[in-house]
Amino acid sequence: MKISLERSGGFAGISRTLSLSTTDMPSNDAEQLTTLVQQSGFYELPAEIRSTGPGADRFQYQITVDSDRGTHSVRVDDGAVPPRLQPVLDWLKNSARAGQKRA
C-alpha cells in the first residue's frame, strides 16, 4: 500500500507532503498503518469533507491511498476530520514529525 499526505493552509500557507509505502517500512509499522486505514473505512469516505464553521487559518489535508482496492483520495479540513479517520491522520502526522527529526 502507498499512502500520501499533503497538508496545506494554516497561517503561513506552506504545503508539506509525506509519501510512504508499506513495503519500505518495518513490518509492525506497515501492519499498524494498514489496520488503521481498514478500520477507518477509508475507501467509503467521500472525496471531500469540509468544515461548516469558521476557521480561515485551518489546515487542509489530502490523503491518498493506493492499494489492491484501487486509489482513493480524501480532502478534509482540520475542523472536519471524522473520528474514524483521525487515527490515520495522527499516525501520518507523527510519521512526518519523526522524519523531520531524522533529517
C-alpha atoms as a PDB file:
ATOM      1  CA  MET A   1       0.000   0.000   0.000  1.00  0.00           C
ATOM      2  CA  LYS A   2       1.179   3.502  -0.793  1.00  0.00           C
ATOM      3  CA  ILE A   3      -0.170   6.457   1.106  1.00  0.00           C
ATOM      4  CA  SER A   4       0.492  10.155   0.813  1.00  0.00           C
ATOM      5  CA  LEU A   5      -0.446  13.101   2.968  1.00  0.00           C
ATOM      6  CA  GLU A   6      -0.374  16.689   1.800  1.00  0.00           C
ATOM      7  CA  ARG A   7      -1.002  19.405   4.355  1.00  0.00           C
ATOM      8  CA  SER A   8      -1.775  22.895   3.121  1.00  0.00           C
ATOM      9  CA  GLY A   9      -3.219  26.083   4.544  1.00  0.00           C
ATOM     10  CA  GLY A  10      -2.546  27.306   8.029  1.00  0.00           C
ATOM     11  CA  PHE A  11      -1.244  30.725   8.947  1.00  0.00           C
ATOM     12  CA  ALA A  12       1.820  30.555   6.679  1.00  0.00           C
ATOM     13  CA  GLY A  13       0.110  28.693   3.847  1.00  0.00           C
ATOM     14  CA  ILE A  14       3.061  26.326   3.403  1.00  0.00           C
ATOM     15  CA  SER A  15       2.365  22.923   1.873  1.00  0.00           C
ATOM     16  CA  ARG A  16       4.070  19.784   3.173  1.00  0.00           C
ATOM     17  CA  THR A  17       3.937  16.343   1.634  1.00  0.00           C
ATOM     18  CA  LEU A  18       4.666  12.892   3.035  1.00  0.00           C
ATOM     19  CA  SER A  19       4.712   9.750   0.884  1.00  0.00           C
ATOM     20  CA  LEU A  20       5.050   6.274   2.357  1.00  0.00           C
ATOM     21  CA  SER A  21       4.978   2.707   1.120  1.00  0.00           C
ATOM     22  CA  THR A  22       4.267  -0.182   3.452  1.00  0.00           C
ATOM     23  CA  THR A  23       6.880  -2.210   1.574  1.00  0.00           C
ATOM     24  CA  ASP A  24       9.578   0.268   2.682  1.00  0.00           C
ATOM     25  CA  MET A  25       8.786   0.335   6.408  1.00  0.00           C
ATOM     26  CA  PRO A  26       9.204  -2.089   9.298  1.00  0.00           C
ATOM     27  CA  SER A  27       6.546  -4.811   9.217  1.00  0.00           C
ATOM     28  CA  ASN A  28       4.952  -3.752  12.521  1.00  0.00           C
ATOM     29  CA  ASP A  29       4.532  -0.172  11.229  1.00  0.00           C
ATOM     30  CA  ALA A  30       3.150  -1.466   7.923  1.00  0.00           C
ATOM     31  CA  GLU A  31       0.643  -3.678   9.734  1.00  0.00           C
ATOM     32  CA  GLN A  32      -0.427  -0.862  12.047  1.00  0.00           C
ATOM     33  CA  LEU A  33      -0.952   1.622   9.207  1.00  0.00           C
ATOM     34  CA  THR A  34      -2.815  -0.940   7.087  1.00  0.00           C
ATOM     35  CA  THR A  35      -5.092  -1.774  10.023  1.00  0.00           C
ATOM     36  CA  LEU A  36      -5.815   1.902  10.715  1.00  0.00           C
ATOM     37  CA  VAL A  37      -6.721   2.523   7.070  1.00  0.00           C
ATOM     38  CA  GLN A  38      -9.016  -0.527   7.040  1.00  0.00           C
ATOM     39  CA  GLN A  39     -10.685   0.419  10.345  1.00  0.00           C
ATOM     40  CA  SER A  40     -11.315   3.955   9.078  1.00  0.00           C
ATOM     41  CA  GLY A  41     -13.367   2.704   6.149  1.00  0.00           C
ATOM     42  CA  PHE A  42     -11.174   4.984   4.056  1.00  0.00           C
ATOM     43  CA  TYR A  43     -12.486   3.805   0.691  1.00  0.00           C
ATOM     44  CA  GLU A  44     -16.051   4.594   1.759  1.00  0.00           C
ATOM     45  CA  LEU A  45     -15.267   8.184   2.776  1.00  0.00           C
ATOM     46  CA  PRO A  46     -16.311  10.980   0.404  1.00  0.00           C
ATOM     47  CA  ALA A  47     -13.657  12.699  -1.682  1.00  0.00           C
ATOM     48  CA  GLU A  48     -14.161  15.978   0.200  1.00  0.00           C
ATOM     49  CA  ILE A  49     -15.089  16.684   3.814  1.00  0.00           C
ATOM     50  CA  ARG A  50     -15.490  20.392   4.567  1.00  0.00           C
ATOM     51  CA  SER A  51     -15.891  22.191   7.859  1.00  0.00           C
ATOM     52  CA  THR A  52     -19.081  24.175   8.271  1.00  0.00           C
ATOM     53  CA  GLY A  53     -17.655  26.511  10.922  1.00  0.00           C
ATOM     54  CA  PRO A  54     -15.349  29.491  10.516  1.00  0.00           C
ATOM     55  CA  GLY A  55     -11.608  28.982  10.502  1.00  0.00           C
ATOM     56  CA  ALA A  56      -9.547  30.874   7.948  1.00  0.00           C
ATOM     57  CA  ASP A  57      -6.176  29.519   9.133  1.00  0.00           C
ATOM     58  CA  ARG A  58      -7.082  25.844   9.381  1.00  0.00           C
ATOM     59  CA  PHE A  59      -5.029  23.169   7.728  1.00  0.00           C
ATOM     60  CA  GLN A  60      -6.431  21.098   4.893  1.00  0.00           C
ATOM     61  CA  TYR A  61      -5.282  17.527   4.400  1.00  0.00           C
ATOM     62  CA  GLN A  62      -5.274  15.488   1.211  1.00  0.00           C
ATOM     63  CA  ILE A  63      -4.827  11.789   1.976  1.00  0.00           C
ATOM     64  CA  THR A  64      -4.379   9.405  -0.944  1.00  0.00           C
ATOM     65  CA  VAL A  65      -4.238   5.638  -0.555  1.00  0.00           C
ATOM     66  CA  ASP A  66      -3.180   3.333  -3.380  1.00  0.00           C
ATOM     67  CA  SER A  67      -3.709  -0.350  -2.586  1.00  0.00           C
ATOM     68  CA  ASP A  68      -5.147  -3.509  -4.062  1.00  0.00           C
ATOM     69  CA  ARG A  69      -8.574  -1.829  -3.691  1.00  0.00           C
ATOM     70  CA  GLY A  70      -7.516   0.952  -6.066  1.00  0.00           C
ATOM     71  CA  THR A  71      -6.675   4.593  -5.476  1.00  0.00           C
ATOM     72  CA  HIS A  72      -8.839   6.872  -3.354  1.00  0.00           C
ATOM     73  CA  SER A  73      -8.244  10.422  -2.120  1.00  0.00           C
ATOM     74  CA  VAL A  74      -9.942  12.328   0.654  1.00  0.00           C
ATOM     75  CA  ARG A  75      -9.530  16.073   1.175  1.00  0.00           C
ATOM     76  CA  VAL A  76     -10.547  17.119   4.671  1.00  0.00           C
ATOM     77  CA  ASP A  77     -10.498  20.382   6.621  1.00  0.00           C
ATOM     78  CA  ASP A  78      -8.780  20.326  10.005  1.00  0.00           C
ATOM     79  CA  GLY A  79     -12.037  21.019  11.850  1.00  0.00           C
ATOM     80  CA  ALA A  80     -13.992  18.332   9.979  1.00  0.00           C
ATOM     81  CA  VAL A  81     -11.869  15.183  10.376  1.00  0.00           C
ATOM     82  CA  PRO A  82     -14.254  12.284  11.090  1.00  0.00           C
ATOM     83  CA  PRO A  83     -13.423  10.373  14.306  1.00  0.00           C
ATOM     84  CA  ARG A  84     -12.796   7.183  12.334  1.00  0.00           C
ATOM     85  CA  LEU A  85     -10.194   8.947  10.144  1.00  0.00           C
ATOM     86  CA  GLN A  86      -8.404  10.743  12.995  1.00  0.00           C
ATOM     87  CA  PRO A  87      -6.136   7.775  13.940  1.00  0.00           C
ATOM     88  CA  VAL A  88      -4.880   7.546  10.336  1.00  0.00           C
ATOM     89  CA  LEU A  89      -4.197  11.283  10.205  1.00  0.00           C
ATOM     90  CA  ASP A  90      -2.465  11.207  13.604  1.00  0.00           C
ATOM     91  CA  TRP A  91      -0.270   8.282  12.533  1.00  0.00           C
ATOM     92  CA  LEU A  92       0.753  10.085   9.345  1.00  0.00           C
ATOM     93  CA  LYS A  93       1.440  13.392  11.120  1.00  0.00           C
ATOM     94  CA  ASN A  94       3.559  11.596  13.741  1.00  0.00           C
ATOM     95  CA  SER A  95       5.470   9.830  10.981  1.00  0.00           C
ATOM     96  CA  ALA A  96       6.094  13.165   9.249  1.00  0.00           C
ATOM     97  CA  ARG A  97       7.405  14.676  12.509  1.00  0.00           C
ATOM     98  CA  ALA A  98       9.695  11.691  13.088  1.00  0.00           C
ATOM     99  CA  GLY A  99      11.054  12.069   9.541  1.00  0.00           C
ATOM    100  CA  GLN A 100      11.788  15.755  10.145  1.00  0.00           C
ATOM    101  CA  LYS A 101      13.729  14.891  13.306  1.00  0.00           C
ATOM    102  CA  ARG A 102      15.846  12.407  11.337  1.00  0.00           C
ATOM    103  CA  ALA A 103      16.635  14.859   8.547  1.00  0.00           C
END
